[in-house]
Amino acid sequence: MQTNTIKLKDNRTLSFAQYGDSKGKPVFLFHGLHSSKLEGVIVSKKMEQNHIRLIVFDRAGIGRSSYHDRRTLFDTVDDTLALAEHLGIEKFSVIGTSSGAKYALACAYKIPDKLEKVFCLSSGVPTEFVNDDMPKSSRIALKVLQRFPSLIKPLFWLSYARLAKKDKDADIFLGNIIYPLDALDKNFLFNNSDIKEPFLRQCQESYAQGVRGNAYDARFDILKKAWGFDAKDIKFPHIEFYHGSKDLGCPLSMTREFVKEIDGAVLHEVDGEGHLTTVFAVVDEVLNKIC
């Protein structure tokens, strides 16, 4: 892993990491909520084996990247372009995991000419697609936060940020992050130390500056019409979704309806896998398609 920073045109700092083969096919990975540029650590060996140059950057206010108030999804697309130019990359593929998938789709909407392929793994979807397959507790929390968005920041401080820097609170911290997920995901994380440890570090890193970055990022997952574009307006022919049948973070039925909105997009339904386990179950297949 190589970590570094660049200064953007507005004088913000963008922190990023590179994994795998420095001369391989370039891929930008958009990390999930509560995550960071360290998300690439878990799959770094696979990147090297498949000759992939994986680039992951901390979004504004997350990890070591400067906070950017009132940012949009398209501001993150602009940051992607700035980093690609800095690294001398003309065209690239993008992967979005969980909440990060919306940034991959924003790239497909805004800069299709720069992209080779787009993959969305365990993708979140706009809140307009929420249905009764989402656990009742998650739906109630979503409605409360939509009505009172000022609660997002204190809730994220209470549930995540105040726990992130204390290893003695690690299990509580991780438990809060994966609380909405299926038991399959919870057992997978807590019973695999080689997964749990780097997963913990990537989540702790996301709160290195406190709560603002993740709390702002979450607004795109909570508030209605927050993405700034409609899926039906995406005109890019190489978009593939992989989604587990046991995903409770974003139930499969919601993703099915969302993917119908994107002309030509392909949905691969991964039977018996959850929100976390799907990513690990399909990563080899995705890398083979990029290669």
Protein backbone atom coordinates (compact mmCIF):
# COMPACT_ATOMS: atom_id res chain seq x y z
CA MET A 1 0.00 0.00 0.00
CA GLN A 2 1.18 3.51 -0.86
CA THR A 3 -0.56 6.49 0.78
CA ASN A 4 -0.20 10.09 -0.29
CA THR A 5 -2.00 13.41 -0.59
CA ILE A 6 -2.55 16.03 -3.26
CA LYS A 7 -3.67 19.63 -3.09
CA LEU A 8 -6.81 20.35 -5.10
CA LYS A 9 -7.56 23.61 -6.93
CA ASP A 10 -9.64 24.91 -4.04
CA ASN A 11 -6.69 24.20 -1.70
CA ARG A 12 -8.30 21.16 -0.09
CA THR A 13 -6.19 18.12 0.68
CA LEU A 14 -7.21 14.80 -0.87
CA SER A 15 -5.77 11.72 0.84
CA PHE A 16 -5.49 8.51 -1.16
CA ALA A 17 -3.93 5.05 -1.20
CA GLN A 18 -2.83 2.76 -4.02
CA TYR A 19 -2.81 -1.02 -3.97
CA GLY A 20 -1.72 -3.83 -6.26
CA ASP A 21 0.23 -3.48 -9.48
CA SER A 22 1.44 0.09 -10.08
CA LYS A 23 1.52 -0.66 -13.83
CA GLY A 24 -1.78 -2.53 -13.91
CA LYS A 25 -5.23 -1.55 -15.11
CA PRO A 26 -6.39 1.51 -13.15
CA VAL A 27 -9.50 1.13 -11.00
CA PHE A 28 -10.96 3.69 -8.61
CA LEU A 29 -12.77 2.18 -5.64
CA PHE A 30 -15.40 4.28 -3.87
CA HIS A 31 -15.51 3.10 -0.27
CA GLY A 32 -18.68 2.64 1.73
CA LEU A 33 -20.09 4.69 4.60
CA HIS A 34 -18.01 4.54 7.81
CA SER A 35 -15.05 3.50 5.64
CA SER A 36 -11.95 5.08 4.16
CA LYS A 37 -9.05 4.68 1.76
CA LEU A 38 -7.93 1.71 3.88
CA GLU A 39 -10.81 -0.31 2.40
CA GLY A 40 -8.35 -1.56 -0.19
CA VAL A 41 -6.15 -3.31 2.39
CA ILE A 42 -8.34 -6.42 2.60
CA VAL A 43 -8.14 -7.06 -1.16
CA SER A 44 -4.63 -5.73 -1.86
CA LYS A 45 -3.14 -9.16 -2.62
CA LYS A 46 -5.91 -9.92 -5.11
CA MET A 47 -5.17 -6.62 -6.87
CA GLU A 48 -1.54 -7.51 -7.29
CA GLN A 49 -2.33 -11.03 -8.49
CA ASN A 50 -4.76 -9.68 -11.09
CA HIS A 51 -2.51 -6.80 -12.22
CA ILE A 52 -4.93 -4.15 -11.02
CA ARG A 53 -3.85 -0.69 -9.89
CA LEU A 54 -6.46 0.11 -7.26
CA ILE A 55 -6.84 3.72 -6.12
CA VAL A 56 -8.99 4.62 -3.13
CA PHE A 57 -9.35 8.14 -1.73
CA ASP A 58 -10.94 9.48 1.42
CA ARG A 59 -13.98 11.53 0.55
CA ALA A 60 -14.20 15.08 1.89
CA GLY A 61 -14.00 15.19 5.69
CA ILE A 62 -13.34 11.46 5.92
CA GLY A 63 -9.98 9.98 6.91
CA ARG A 64 -7.34 12.59 6.10
CA SER A 65 -9.13 14.52 3.33
CA SER A 66 -10.22 18.11 3.95
CA TYR A 67 -13.87 18.74 4.74
CA HIS A 68 -15.95 20.26 1.94
CA ASP A 69 -19.18 21.86 3.09
CA ARG A 70 -22.22 21.63 0.81
CA ARG A 71 -20.52 19.19 -1.50
CA THR A 72 -22.52 17.20 -4.04
CA LEU A 73 -21.91 13.80 -5.59
CA PHE A 74 -20.51 15.61 -8.60
CA ASP A 75 -17.89 17.37 -6.48
CA THR A 76 -16.55 13.90 -5.65
CA VAL A 77 -16.54 13.07 -9.36
CA ASP A 78 -14.44 16.20 -9.90
CA ASP A 79 -12.06 15.05 -7.16
CA THR A 80 -11.77 11.71 -8.96
CA LEU A 81 -10.83 13.46 -12.19
CA ALA A 82 -8.27 15.64 -10.40
CA LEU A 83 -6.62 12.61 -8.85
CA ALA A 84 -6.66 10.69 -12.13
CA GLU A 85 -4.96 13.63 -13.86
CA HIS A 86 -2.39 13.86 -11.07
CA LEU A 87 -1.61 10.15 -11.49
CA GLY A 88 -1.46 10.38 -15.28
CA ILE A 89 -4.51 8.16 -15.82
CA GLU A 90 -6.65 8.80 -18.91
CA LYS A 91 -9.36 6.14 -18.61
CA PHE A 92 -10.30 3.87 -15.75
CA SER A 93 -12.91 1.55 -14.31
CA VAL A 94 -14.79 2.27 -11.08
CA ILE A 95 -16.11 0.06 -8.32
CA GLY A 96 -18.53 1.28 -5.68
CA THR A 97 -19.17 -0.77 -2.56
CA SER A 98 -22.33 -0.28 -0.51
CA SER A 99 -22.92 3.46 -0.01
CA GLY A 100 -19.97 4.16 -2.32
CA ALA A 101 -21.88 2.83 -5.33
CA LYS A 102 -23.69 6.13 -5.83
CA TYR A 103 -20.35 7.79 -6.60
CA ALA A 104 -19.56 5.15 -9.20
CA LEU A 105 -22.96 5.85 -10.76
CA ALA A 106 -22.39 9.60 -10.59
CA CYS A 107 -19.23 9.00 -12.64
CA ALA A 108 -21.26 6.98 -15.15
CA TYR A 109 -23.68 9.90 -15.40
CA LYS A 110 -21.17 12.76 -15.59
CA ILE A 111 -17.96 11.38 -17.14
CA PRO A 112 -18.89 8.30 -19.21
CA ASP A 113 -16.15 9.07 -21.72
CA LYS A 114 -13.52 8.54 -19.00
CA LEU A 115 -14.77 5.13 -17.94
CA GLU A 116 -14.10 1.57 -19.03
CA LYS A 117 -16.50 -0.34 -16.75
CA VAL A 118 -18.64 0.31 -13.68
CA PHE A 119 -19.35 -2.20 -10.91
CA CYS A 120 -21.68 -1.69 -7.94
CA LEU A 121 -21.32 -4.23 -5.13
CA SER A 122 -24.03 -4.43 -2.44
CA SER A 123 -25.16 -1.07 -3.75
CA GLY A 124 -27.21 1.39 -1.79
CA VAL A 125 -30.11 2.98 -3.68
CA PRO A 126 -31.97 6.30 -3.38
CA THR A 127 -34.46 6.42 -0.53
CA GLU A 128 -37.32 6.65 -3.00
CA PHE A 129 -36.86 2.90 -3.57
CA VAL A 130 -37.24 1.88 0.09
CA ASN A 131 -39.89 -0.79 0.62
CA ASP A 132 -41.18 -3.05 3.38
CA ASP A 133 -38.36 -5.56 2.85
CA MET A 134 -36.10 -3.17 4.72
CA PRO A 135 -36.22 -3.98 8.46
CA LYS A 136 -38.84 -1.95 10.30
CA SER A 137 -36.28 -0.43 12.67
CA SER A 138 -34.25 0.88 9.71
CA ARG A 139 -37.35 2.34 8.06
CA ILE A 140 -38.37 4.11 11.26
CA ALA A 141 -34.88 5.55 11.74
CA LEU A 142 -34.85 6.70 8.11
CA LYS A 143 -38.18 8.52 8.45
CA VAL A 144 -37.11 10.25 11.65
CA LEU A 145 -33.84 11.44 10.13
CA GLN A 146 -35.57 12.60 6.96
CA ARG A 147 -37.88 14.73 9.07
CA PHE A 148 -35.14 15.93 11.41
CA PRO A 149 -31.85 15.87 9.45
CA SER A 150 -30.16 17.93 12.17
CA LEU A 151 -30.14 14.70 14.21
CA ILE A 152 -27.77 12.93 11.79
CA LYS A 153 -24.59 14.47 13.14
CA PRO A 154 -25.27 13.91 16.89
CA LEU A 155 -26.51 10.39 16.17
CA PHE A 156 -23.34 9.59 14.25
CA TRP A 157 -21.21 11.02 17.06
CA LEU A 158 -23.05 8.98 19.68
CA SER A 159 -23.08 5.71 17.71
CA TYR A 160 -19.75 5.86 15.89
CA ALA A 161 -17.35 8.80 16.21
CA ARG A 162 -17.00 8.76 20.02
CA LEU A 163 -16.16 5.05 19.89
CA ALA A 164 -13.87 5.05 16.86
CA LYS A 165 -10.59 5.97 18.57
CA LYS A 166 -10.79 3.52 21.46
CA ASP A 167 -9.78 -0.06 20.78
CA LYS A 168 -11.55 -1.14 23.97
CA ASP A 169 -14.79 -0.04 22.29
CA ALA A 170 -13.97 -1.78 19.00
CA ASP A 171 -16.67 -4.46 19.21
CA ILE A 172 -19.34 -1.92 20.16
CA PHE A 173 -18.20 0.37 17.34
CA LEU A 174 -18.31 -2.41 14.75
CA GLY A 175 -21.54 -3.77 16.18
CA ASN A 176 -23.22 -0.40 15.70
CA ILE A 177 -21.96 -0.16 12.11
CA ILE A 178 -23.28 -3.59 11.10
CA TYR A 179 -26.37 -3.53 13.34
CA PRO A 180 -28.85 -3.36 10.38
CA LEU A 181 -27.27 -6.35 8.60
CA ASP A 182 -28.14 -10.04 8.51
CA ALA A 183 -26.69 -12.50 11.04
CA LEU A 184 -24.71 -13.99 8.16
CA ASP A 185 -22.74 -10.74 7.82
CA LYS A 186 -22.27 -10.36 11.56
CA ASN A 187 -20.90 -13.88 11.96
CA PHE A 188 -18.66 -13.42 8.92
CA LEU A 189 -17.09 -10.28 10.34
CA PHE A 190 -16.69 -11.25 13.98
CA ASN A 191 -15.54 -14.81 13.31
CA ASN A 192 -12.80 -13.94 10.79
CA SER A 193 -9.93 -12.10 12.42
CA ASP A 194 -8.16 -11.60 9.07
CA ILE A 195 -11.25 -9.66 7.92
CA LYS A 196 -12.28 -8.07 11.21
CA GLU A 197 -8.97 -6.34 11.96
CA PRO A 198 -8.52 -4.47 8.64
CA PHE A 199 -12.27 -3.75 8.56
CA LEU A 200 -12.00 -2.15 12.00
CA ARG A 201 -8.99 -0.05 10.96
CA GLN A 202 -10.66 1.23 7.79
CA CYS A 203 -13.72 2.25 9.82
CA GLN A 204 -11.68 3.88 12.59
CA GLU A 205 -9.71 5.81 9.98
CA SER A 206 -12.92 7.24 8.53
CA TYR A 207 -13.50 9.11 11.81
CA ALA A 208 -9.93 10.43 12.11
CA GLN A 209 -11.20 14.02 11.92
CA GLY A 210 -14.38 13.42 13.88
CA VAL A 211 -17.96 13.06 12.78
CA ARG A 212 -18.56 15.72 10.09
CA GLY A 213 -17.40 13.83 7.02
CA ASN A 214 -19.42 10.67 7.52
CA ALA A 215 -22.46 12.55 8.82
CA TYR A 216 -22.48 14.65 5.66
CA ASP A 217 -21.90 11.60 3.47
CA ALA A 218 -24.90 9.89 5.07
CA ARG A 219 -27.22 12.68 3.96
CA PHE A 220 -27.06 11.32 0.41
CA ASP A 221 -28.37 7.98 1.71
CA ILE A 222 -31.05 9.47 3.93
CA LEU A 223 -32.57 12.56 2.30
CA LYS A 224 -34.90 12.30 -0.67
CA LYS A 225 -33.74 13.45 -4.11
CA ALA A 226 -30.24 13.93 -2.67
CA TRP A 227 -28.26 12.32 -5.48
CA GLY A 228 -28.73 15.19 -7.93
CA PHE A 229 -29.50 12.98 -10.94
CA ASP A 230 -31.98 10.31 -12.02
CA ALA A 231 -30.81 6.79 -12.77
CA LYS A 232 -32.80 6.77 -16.02
CA ASP A 233 -30.54 9.55 -17.32
CA ILE A 234 -27.36 7.48 -17.05
CA LYS A 235 -26.08 6.66 -20.53
CA PHE A 236 -23.22 4.22 -20.05
CA PRO A 237 -23.34 0.68 -21.46
CA HIS A 238 -21.11 -1.24 -19.03
CA ILE A 239 -22.72 -1.14 -15.57
CA GLU A 240 -23.01 -4.32 -13.51
CA PHE A 241 -24.55 -4.76 -10.07
CA TYR A 242 -23.86 -7.65 -7.69
CA HIS A 243 -26.32 -8.00 -4.83
CA GLY A 244 -26.90 -10.66 -2.20
CA SER A 245 -30.27 -12.27 -1.57
CA LYS A 246 -29.75 -11.90 2.21
CA ASP A 247 -28.72 -8.25 2.16
CA LEU A 248 -30.69 -6.38 4.84
CA GLY A 249 -28.69 -3.16 4.53
CA CYS A 250 -30.29 -2.63 1.13
CA PRO A 251 -32.71 -5.48 0.36
CA LEU A 252 -32.42 -7.09 -3.06
CA SER A 253 -35.98 -6.14 -4.05
CA MET A 254 -35.07 -2.45 -3.75
CA THR A 255 -32.02 -2.90 -5.94
CA ARG A 256 -34.05 -4.81 -8.54
CA GLU A 257 -36.41 -1.86 -8.96
CA PHE A 258 -33.57 0.64 -9.05
CA VAL A 259 -31.55 -1.23 -11.68
CA LYS A 260 -34.61 -1.29 -13.97
CA GLU A 261 -34.22 2.47 -14.22
CA ILE A 262 -30.77 2.23 -15.82
CA ASP A 263 -30.85 1.31 -19.48
CA GLY A 264 -28.60 -1.67 -20.18
CA ALA A 265 -27.47 -2.23 -16.58
CA VAL A 266 -27.09 -5.86 -15.49
CA LEU A 267 -28.00 -7.19 -12.04
CA HIS A 268 -26.33 -10.35 -10.77
CA GLU A 269 -28.30 -11.78 -7.86
CA VAL A 270 -25.97 -13.60 -5.48
CA ASP A 271 -27.97 -16.31 -3.72
CA GLY A 272 -27.41 -16.80 -0.01
CA GLU A 273 -25.02 -13.88 0.48
CA GLY A 274 -25.39 -10.77 2.61
CA HIS A 275 -24.27 -7.15 2.41
CA LEU A 276 -20.65 -7.81 3.37
CA THR A 277 -20.25 -11.39 2.20
CA THR A 278 -21.37 -10.58 -1.36
CA VAL A 279 -18.36 -8.31 -1.89
CA PHE A 280 -15.94 -11.08 -0.95
CA ALA A 281 -17.91 -13.71 -2.88
CA VAL A 282 -17.76 -11.83 -6.20
CA VAL A 283 -14.47 -9.92 -6.08
CA ASP A 284 -12.60 -12.48 -8.21
CA GLU A 285 -15.31 -12.44 -10.87
CA VAL A 286 -15.30 -8.65 -10.99
CA LEU A 287 -11.51 -8.47 -11.30
CA ASN A 288 -11.56 -11.02 -14.13
CA LYS A 289 -14.00 -8.81 -16.01
CA ILE A 290 -11.77 -5.79 -15.58
CA CYS A 291 -8.73 -7.68 -16.77
